[in-house]
Amino acid sequence: MKSTLADKHKIAIEYIETSIRLFDEEVFYSSLHLAGAAEQIFHDTLLHRGVEPTKAKDARLAKTLEVLYSGNHPSKASIEKVMDHSKNSIKHVKRGDDYIYEVSMRPNIDAFRMIRHAIKNAKLCNISMGSGINSFMNRNELDFHNA
């Protein structure tokens, strides 16, 4: 069978749509994983275009708040590592020299948050959303007009 070229943005939209369906079926870990993959595709696209992705904006805000309220000066990388914890913890077993087989998380909240980030990054990329994604946004009152 001959291979064909596939548009990664279309793949990412399929990931988001499937992630939403799984979220609605309360299959949160797979939903989180697919949304995380879509978020990363659009994140990298935004970086390539010189546009600040959602995670970077949120990390900048978190850093500002941390400095303001605690006086600590965390690195952007350390904040983004915390932000990516749920996405990475479900797909990796090895961390340094340790093997971790259990993870503590809030799967429904983490999946929802990752879907939200994936959609925001897609919007920043000016990617057209399908009706399933728009329906999810509407029923969860997500307005990314000024993402």
N, C-alpha and C. Protein backbone atom coordinates (compact mmCIF):
# COMPACT_ATOMS: atom_id res chain seq x y z
N MET A 1 0.83 -1.18 0.00
CA MET A 1 0.00 0.00 0.00
C MET A 1 0.88 1.25 0.00
N LYS A 2 0.57 2.17 -0.87
CA LYS A 2 1.34 3.40 -1.00
C LYS A 2 0.93 4.38 0.11
N SER A 3 1.91 5.04 0.69
CA SER A 3 1.61 6.03 1.72
C SER A 3 1.14 7.34 1.07
N THR A 4 0.38 8.10 1.84
CA THR A 4 -0.11 9.39 1.36
C THR A 4 0.28 10.48 2.35
N LEU A 5 0.30 11.69 1.87
CA LEU A 5 0.58 12.82 2.75
C LEU A 5 -0.69 13.21 3.50
N ALA A 6 -0.54 13.54 4.76
CA ALA A 6 -1.67 13.97 5.57
C ALA A 6 -1.35 15.33 6.18
N ASP A 7 -2.31 16.22 6.17
CA ASP A 7 -2.16 17.55 6.75
C ASP A 7 -2.24 17.44 8.27
N LYS A 8 -1.19 17.85 8.96
CA LYS A 8 -1.16 17.69 10.42
C LYS A 8 -2.20 18.54 11.12
N HIS A 9 -2.59 19.66 10.54
CA HIS A 9 -3.64 20.46 11.16
C HIS A 9 -4.98 19.72 11.09
N LYS A 10 -5.23 19.04 9.98
CA LYS A 10 -6.46 18.25 9.88
C LYS A 10 -6.42 17.08 10.87
N ILE A 11 -5.26 16.49 11.03
CA ILE A 11 -5.11 15.41 12.01
C ILE A 11 -5.38 15.95 13.41
N ALA A 12 -4.84 17.12 13.70
CA ALA A 12 -5.03 17.71 15.04
C ALA A 12 -6.50 18.03 15.30
N ILE A 13 -7.21 18.51 14.28
CA ILE A 13 -8.65 18.76 14.44
C ILE A 13 -9.38 17.45 14.71
N GLU A 14 -9.00 16.39 14.01
CA GLU A 14 -9.58 15.07 14.27
C GLU A 14 -9.29 14.64 15.71
N TYR A 15 -8.08 14.89 16.18
CA TYR A 15 -7.73 14.57 17.57
C TYR A 15 -8.65 15.32 18.55
N ILE A 16 -8.85 16.61 18.30
CA ILE A 16 -9.71 17.40 19.19
C ILE A 16 -11.14 16.87 19.15
N GLU A 17 -11.65 16.61 17.96
CA GLU A 17 -13.02 16.10 17.85
C GLU A 17 -13.18 14.76 18.57
N THR A 18 -12.21 13.88 18.40
CA THR A 18 -12.25 12.58 19.09
C THR A 18 -12.08 12.76 20.58
N SER A 19 -11.21 13.68 20.98
CA SER A 19 -11.01 13.96 22.39
C SER A 19 -12.30 14.45 23.05
N ILE A 20 -13.03 15.30 22.37
CA ILE A 20 -14.31 15.79 22.90
C ILE A 20 -15.31 14.66 23.03
N ARG A 21 -15.39 13.81 22.00
CA ARG A 21 -16.31 12.66 22.08
C ARG A 21 -15.96 11.77 23.26
N LEU A 22 -14.68 11.47 23.44
CA LEU A 22 -14.25 10.64 24.55
C LEU A 22 -14.50 11.34 25.89
N PHE A 23 -14.29 12.64 25.95
CA PHE A 23 -14.57 13.40 27.16
C PHE A 23 -16.05 13.27 27.53
N ASP A 24 -16.91 13.42 26.53
CA ASP A 24 -18.35 13.30 26.77
C ASP A 24 -18.74 11.89 27.23
N GLU A 25 -17.95 10.90 26.81
CA GLU A 25 -18.18 9.51 27.23
C GLU A 25 -17.46 9.18 28.54
N GLU A 26 -16.81 10.19 29.14
CA GLU A 26 -16.06 10.07 30.39
C GLU A 26 -14.87 9.12 30.29
N VAL A 27 -14.26 9.11 29.11
CA VAL A 27 -13.01 8.38 28.87
C VAL A 27 -11.92 9.45 28.89
N PHE A 28 -11.54 9.84 30.10
CA PHE A 28 -10.75 11.05 30.28
C PHE A 28 -9.27 10.92 29.92
N TYR A 29 -8.64 9.77 30.17
CA TYR A 29 -7.20 9.65 29.90
C TYR A 29 -6.92 9.69 28.40
N SER A 30 -7.69 8.96 27.63
CA SER A 30 -7.51 8.99 26.17
C SER A 30 -7.87 10.36 25.62
N SER A 31 -8.90 10.98 26.18
CA SER A 31 -9.29 12.33 25.78
C SER A 31 -8.13 13.30 26.01
N LEU A 32 -7.53 13.21 27.18
CA LEU A 32 -6.40 14.07 27.53
C LEU A 32 -5.23 13.86 26.57
N HIS A 33 -4.94 12.61 26.29
CA HIS A 33 -3.80 12.29 25.42
C HIS A 33 -4.00 12.86 24.01
N LEU A 34 -5.18 12.67 23.44
CA LEU A 34 -5.44 13.18 22.09
C LEU A 34 -5.44 14.71 22.07
N ALA A 35 -6.06 15.32 23.07
CA ALA A 35 -6.06 16.79 23.13
C ALA A 35 -4.64 17.31 23.29
N GLY A 36 -3.82 16.61 24.07
CA GLY A 36 -2.42 17.02 24.25
C GLY A 36 -1.64 16.95 22.95
N ALA A 37 -1.91 15.93 22.15
CA ALA A 37 -1.24 15.81 20.85
C ALA A 37 -1.64 16.96 19.93
N ALA A 38 -2.93 17.28 19.91
CA ALA A 38 -3.41 18.39 19.09
C ALA A 38 -2.83 19.72 19.58
N GLU A 39 -2.83 19.89 20.89
CA GLU A 39 -2.29 21.12 21.47
C GLU A 39 -0.85 21.32 21.04
N GLN A 40 -0.06 20.24 21.04
CA GLN A 40 1.36 20.32 20.69
C GLN A 40 1.54 20.68 19.21
N ILE A 41 0.73 20.10 18.34
CA ILE A 41 0.83 20.42 16.90
C ILE A 41 0.59 21.91 16.68
N PHE A 42 -0.48 22.44 17.27
CA PHE A 42 -0.78 23.85 17.08
C PHE A 42 0.21 24.75 17.83
N HIS A 43 0.68 24.29 18.98
CA HIS A 43 1.71 25.02 19.74
C HIS A 43 2.95 25.22 18.87
N ASP A 44 3.43 24.13 18.27
CA ASP A 44 4.62 24.20 17.43
C ASP A 44 4.39 25.07 16.20
N THR A 45 3.19 25.01 15.63
CA THR A 45 2.85 25.84 14.47
C THR A 45 2.93 27.32 14.85
N LEU A 46 2.37 27.65 16.01
CA LEU A 46 2.41 29.04 16.46
C LEU A 46 3.85 29.52 16.67
N LEU A 47 4.68 28.68 17.30
CA LEU A 47 6.08 29.05 17.49
C LEU A 47 6.76 29.30 16.15
N HIS A 48 6.48 28.43 15.18
CA HIS A 48 7.08 28.57 13.85
C HIS A 48 6.64 29.87 13.19
N ARG A 49 5.41 30.29 13.47
CA ARG A 49 4.89 31.54 12.89
C ARG A 49 5.26 32.78 13.71
N GLY A 50 5.95 32.58 14.82
CA GLY A 50 6.34 33.71 15.65
C GLY A 50 5.21 34.23 16.53
N VAL A 51 4.21 33.39 16.80
CA VAL A 51 3.07 33.77 17.62
C VAL A 51 3.18 33.05 18.96
N GLU A 52 2.85 33.74 20.04
CA GLU A 52 2.94 33.14 21.37
C GLU A 52 1.79 32.16 21.59
N PRO A 53 2.09 30.87 21.85
CA PRO A 53 1.03 29.89 22.11
C PRO A 53 0.36 30.10 23.47
N THR A 54 -0.77 29.48 23.64
CA THR A 54 -1.56 29.58 24.86
C THR A 54 -0.74 29.24 26.10
N LYS A 55 -0.01 28.12 26.05
CA LYS A 55 0.77 27.69 27.21
C LYS A 55 1.79 28.75 27.61
N ALA A 56 2.43 29.37 26.64
CA ALA A 56 3.42 30.40 26.94
C ALA A 56 2.76 31.62 27.58
N LYS A 57 1.58 31.99 27.08
CA LYS A 57 0.85 33.12 27.67
C LYS A 57 0.47 32.80 29.12
N ASP A 58 -0.06 31.60 29.33
CA ASP A 58 -0.45 31.20 30.68
C ASP A 58 0.75 31.11 31.61
N ALA A 59 1.89 30.63 31.10
CA ALA A 59 3.11 30.54 31.91
C ALA A 59 3.61 31.93 32.29
N ARG A 60 3.51 32.86 31.35
CA ARG A 60 3.93 34.23 31.63
C ARG A 60 3.05 34.83 32.73
N LEU A 61 1.75 34.61 32.65
CA LEU A 61 0.83 35.10 33.68
C LEU A 61 1.12 34.44 35.02
N ALA A 62 1.32 33.12 35.01
CA ALA A 62 1.61 32.40 36.25
C ALA A 62 2.90 32.91 36.90
N LYS A 63 3.90 33.17 36.07
CA LYS A 63 5.17 33.68 36.61
C LYS A 63 4.97 35.05 37.23
N THR A 64 4.22 35.91 36.57
CA THR A 64 3.94 37.24 37.11
C THR A 64 3.23 37.15 38.45
N LEU A 65 2.24 36.28 38.54
CA LEU A 65 1.50 36.11 39.79
C LEU A 65 2.39 35.53 40.89
N GLU A 66 3.23 34.57 40.54
CA GLU A 66 4.14 33.96 41.52
C GLU A 66 5.10 35.00 42.09
N VAL A 67 5.66 35.82 41.23
CA VAL A 67 6.57 36.87 41.68
C VAL A 67 5.82 37.87 42.55
N LEU A 68 4.65 38.26 42.10
CA LEU A 68 3.86 39.26 42.82
C LEU A 68 3.44 38.79 44.21
N TYR A 69 2.96 37.55 44.30
CA TYR A 69 2.40 37.07 45.56
C TYR A 69 3.38 36.35 46.48
N SER A 70 4.45 35.78 45.92
CA SER A 70 5.36 35.03 46.79
C SER A 70 6.79 35.57 46.76
N GLY A 71 7.10 36.35 45.76
CA GLY A 71 8.46 36.84 45.62
C GLY A 71 9.39 35.85 44.94
N ASN A 72 8.89 34.64 44.65
CA ASN A 72 9.69 33.64 43.95
C ASN A 72 9.81 34.01 42.48
N HIS A 73 10.89 33.57 41.85
CA HIS A 73 11.13 33.85 40.44
C HIS A 73 11.33 32.52 39.68
N PRO A 74 10.24 31.77 39.46
CA PRO A 74 10.38 30.49 38.76
C PRO A 74 10.69 30.71 37.29
N SER A 75 11.38 29.74 36.71
CA SER A 75 11.68 29.84 35.28
C SER A 75 10.43 29.50 34.48
N LYS A 76 10.37 30.03 33.26
CA LYS A 76 9.27 29.71 32.36
C LYS A 76 9.21 28.20 32.12
N ALA A 77 10.38 27.59 31.98
CA ALA A 77 10.44 26.14 31.74
C ALA A 77 9.85 25.35 32.90
N SER A 78 10.14 25.78 34.14
CA SER A 78 9.60 25.04 35.29
C SER A 78 8.09 25.19 35.38
N ILE A 79 7.58 26.36 35.02
CA ILE A 79 6.12 26.56 35.02
C ILE A 79 5.47 25.71 33.94
N GLU A 80 6.06 25.71 32.74
CA GLU A 80 5.49 24.92 31.63
C GLU A 80 5.56 23.43 31.94
N LYS A 81 6.58 22.99 32.68
CA LYS A 81 6.67 21.58 33.07
C LYS A 81 5.50 21.20 33.96
N VAL A 82 5.15 22.07 34.89
CA VAL A 82 3.98 21.83 35.75
C VAL A 82 2.71 21.81 34.91
N MET A 83 2.62 22.74 33.96
CA MET A 83 1.43 22.83 33.11
C MET A 83 1.27 21.58 32.25
N ASP A 84 2.39 20.96 31.86
CA ASP A 84 2.34 19.76 31.02
C ASP A 84 2.34 18.47 31.82
N HIS A 85 2.31 18.56 33.14
CA HIS A 85 2.41 17.37 33.99
C HIS A 85 1.40 16.30 33.60
N SER A 86 0.13 16.65 33.51
CA SER A 86 -0.89 15.63 33.26
C SER A 86 -0.70 15.00 31.88
N LYS A 87 -0.41 15.82 30.87
CA LYS A 87 -0.21 15.31 29.51
C LYS A 87 0.96 14.34 29.48
N ASN A 88 2.07 14.72 30.11
CA ASN A 88 3.27 13.88 30.05
C ASN A 88 3.22 12.70 31.01
N SER A 89 2.56 12.86 32.14
CA SER A 89 2.57 11.78 33.14
C SER A 89 1.77 10.57 32.69
N ILE A 90 0.78 10.76 31.81
CA ILE A 90 0.02 9.58 31.36
C ILE A 90 0.69 8.85 30.21
N LYS A 91 1.67 9.48 29.56
CA LYS A 91 2.27 8.80 28.41
C LYS A 91 3.71 8.34 28.64
N HIS A 92 4.31 8.72 29.76
CA HIS A 92 5.68 8.31 30.05
C HIS A 92 5.73 7.52 31.35
N VAL A 93 6.52 6.47 31.37
CA VAL A 93 6.71 5.66 32.57
C VAL A 93 8.02 6.03 33.25
N LYS A 94 9.03 6.30 32.44
CA LYS A 94 10.35 6.57 33.00
C LYS A 94 10.54 8.07 33.23
N ARG A 95 11.02 8.40 34.44
CA ARG A 95 11.37 9.79 34.78
C ARG A 95 12.74 9.75 35.41
N GLY A 96 13.73 10.20 34.67
CA GLY A 96 15.11 10.09 35.15
C GLY A 96 15.48 8.62 35.24
N ASP A 97 15.92 8.20 36.43
CA ASP A 97 16.26 6.80 36.66
C ASP A 97 15.10 6.02 37.26
N ASP A 98 13.99 6.68 37.51
CA ASP A 98 12.84 6.04 38.15
C ASP A 98 11.80 5.61 37.12
N TYR A 99 11.06 4.58 37.49
CA TYR A 99 9.93 4.12 36.71
C TYR A 99 8.67 4.34 37.52
N ILE A 100 7.76 5.14 37.00
CA ILE A 100 6.56 5.54 37.71
C ILE A 100 5.36 4.88 37.03
N TYR A 101 4.62 4.06 37.77
CA TYR A 101 3.50 3.32 37.19
C TYR A 101 2.15 3.82 37.67
N GLU A 102 2.13 4.81 38.54
CA GLU A 102 0.88 5.40 38.99
C GLU A 102 1.02 6.91 38.90
N VAL A 103 -0.11 7.57 38.71
CA VAL A 103 -0.08 9.01 38.59
C VAL A 103 -1.26 9.60 39.35
N SER A 104 -1.02 10.70 40.00
CA SER A 104 -2.07 11.40 40.72
C SER A 104 -2.54 12.57 39.87
N MET A 105 -3.82 12.57 39.52
CA MET A 105 -4.35 13.64 38.69
C MET A 105 -5.85 13.74 38.83
N ARG A 106 -6.42 14.75 38.24
CA ARG A 106 -7.87 14.94 38.17
C ARG A 106 -8.24 14.77 36.71
N PRO A 107 -8.50 13.56 36.26
CA PRO A 107 -8.61 13.30 34.82
C PRO A 107 -9.64 14.14 34.09
N ASN A 108 -10.81 14.37 34.70
CA ASN A 108 -11.82 15.16 33.99
C ASN A 108 -11.38 16.62 33.84
N ILE A 109 -10.80 17.18 34.88
CA ILE A 109 -10.35 18.57 34.83
C ILE A 109 -9.15 18.70 33.90
N ASP A 110 -8.20 17.76 34.00
CA ASP A 110 -7.01 17.82 33.16
C ASP A 110 -7.36 17.64 31.68
N ALA A 111 -8.28 16.74 31.37
CA ALA A 111 -8.70 16.54 29.98
C ALA A 111 -9.40 17.80 29.46
N PHE A 112 -10.30 18.37 30.25
CA PHE A 112 -11.01 19.58 29.83
C PHE A 112 -10.02 20.71 29.57
N ARG A 113 -9.07 20.88 30.48
CA ARG A 113 -8.08 21.95 30.33
C ARG A 113 -7.26 21.77 29.06
N MET A 114 -6.88 20.52 28.76
CA MET A 114 -6.07 20.27 27.57
C MET A 114 -6.89 20.48 26.29
N ILE A 115 -8.16 20.08 26.30
CA ILE A 115 -9.02 20.35 25.14
C ILE A 115 -9.10 21.85 24.92
N ARG A 116 -9.30 22.59 26.00
CA ARG A 116 -9.40 24.05 25.93
C ARG A 116 -8.12 24.65 25.33
N HIS A 117 -6.95 24.18 25.77
CA HIS A 117 -5.68 24.70 25.24
C HIS A 117 -5.53 24.35 23.76
N ALA A 118 -5.92 23.14 23.38
CA ALA A 118 -5.81 22.73 21.98
C ALA A 118 -6.69 23.62 21.10
N ILE A 119 -7.91 23.87 21.55
CA ILE A 119 -8.83 24.71 20.78
C ILE A 119 -8.30 26.14 20.69
N LYS A 120 -7.81 26.66 21.80
CA LYS A 120 -7.27 28.03 21.78
C LYS A 120 -6.10 28.15 20.81
N ASN A 121 -5.19 27.18 20.83
CA ASN A 121 -4.06 27.22 19.90
C ASN A 121 -4.53 27.10 18.45
N ALA A 122 -5.51 26.24 18.21
CA ALA A 122 -6.05 26.10 16.85
C ALA A 122 -6.66 27.42 16.39
N LYS A 123 -7.39 28.09 17.27
CA LYS A 123 -7.97 29.39 16.93
C LYS A 123 -6.87 30.41 16.62
N LEU A 124 -5.81 30.40 17.42
CA LEU A 124 -4.70 31.32 17.16
C LEU A 124 -4.03 31.05 15.82
N CYS A 125 -4.13 29.79 15.35
CA CYS A 125 -3.59 29.41 14.04
C CYS A 125 -4.58 29.72 12.90
N ASN A 126 -5.75 30.26 13.27
CA ASN A 126 -6.82 30.54 12.29
C ASN A 126 -7.30 29.28 11.59
N ILE A 127 -7.41 28.20 12.37
CA ILE A 127 -7.89 26.92 11.84
C ILE A 127 -9.40 26.87 12.01
N SER A 128 -10.08 26.45 10.98
CA SER A 128 -11.53 26.33 11.01
C SER A 128 -11.94 25.18 11.93
N MET A 129 -12.91 25.45 12.79
CA MET A 129 -13.41 24.45 13.74
C MET A 129 -14.66 23.78 13.19
N GLY A 130 -14.78 22.48 13.40
CA GLY A 130 -15.97 21.76 12.99
C GLY A 130 -17.11 22.00 13.96
N SER A 131 -18.28 21.51 13.61
CA SER A 131 -19.48 21.73 14.43
C SER A 131 -19.36 21.09 15.81
N GLY A 132 -18.68 19.94 15.92
CA GLY A 132 -18.51 19.29 17.22
C GLY A 132 -17.68 20.14 18.18
N ILE A 133 -16.64 20.77 17.64
CA ILE A 133 -15.80 21.63 18.46
C ILE A 133 -16.56 22.89 18.86
N ASN A 134 -17.27 23.48 17.90
CA ASN A 134 -18.06 24.67 18.21
C ASN A 134 -19.15 24.36 19.23
N SER A 135 -19.77 23.21 19.13
CA SER A 135 -20.80 22.80 20.09
C SER A 135 -20.20 22.65 21.48
N PHE A 136 -19.02 22.04 21.57
CA PHE A 136 -18.33 21.89 22.86
C PHE A 136 -18.03 23.26 23.46
N MET A 137 -17.55 24.16 22.63
CA MET A 137 -17.23 25.50 23.11
C MET A 137 -18.49 26.20 23.62
N ASN A 138 -19.57 26.08 22.88
CA ASN A 138 -20.82 26.75 23.27
C ASN A 138 -21.39 26.18 24.56
N ARG A 139 -21.43 24.87 24.68
CA ARG A 139 -22.03 24.29 25.88
C ARG A 139 -21.17 24.46 27.12
N ASN A 140 -19.91 24.78 26.94
CA ASN A 140 -19.03 25.04 28.07
C ASN A 140 -18.68 26.52 28.20
N GLU A 141 -19.39 27.35 27.44
CA GLU A 141 -19.24 28.80 27.48
C GLU A 141 -17.79 29.23 27.28
N LEU A 142 -17.14 28.63 26.28
CA LEU A 142 -15.77 28.98 25.95
C LEU A 142 -15.79 29.94 24.77
N ASP A 143 -15.39 31.16 25.02
CA ASP A 143 -15.35 32.18 23.98
C ASP A 143 -13.88 32.56 23.77
N PHE A 144 -13.36 32.18 22.62
CA PHE A 144 -11.96 32.45 22.34
C PHE A 144 -11.81 33.53 21.26
N HIS A 145 -12.83 34.36 21.14
CA HIS A 145 -12.77 35.40 20.11
C HIS A 145 -11.51 36.25 20.26
N ASN A 146 -11.14 36.52 21.50
CA ASN A 146 -9.95 37.33 21.76
C ASN A 146 -8.85 36.47 22.36
N ALA A 147 -8.67 35.26 21.83
CA ALA A 147 -7.65 34.34 22.35
C ALA A 147 -6.31 35.01 22.27
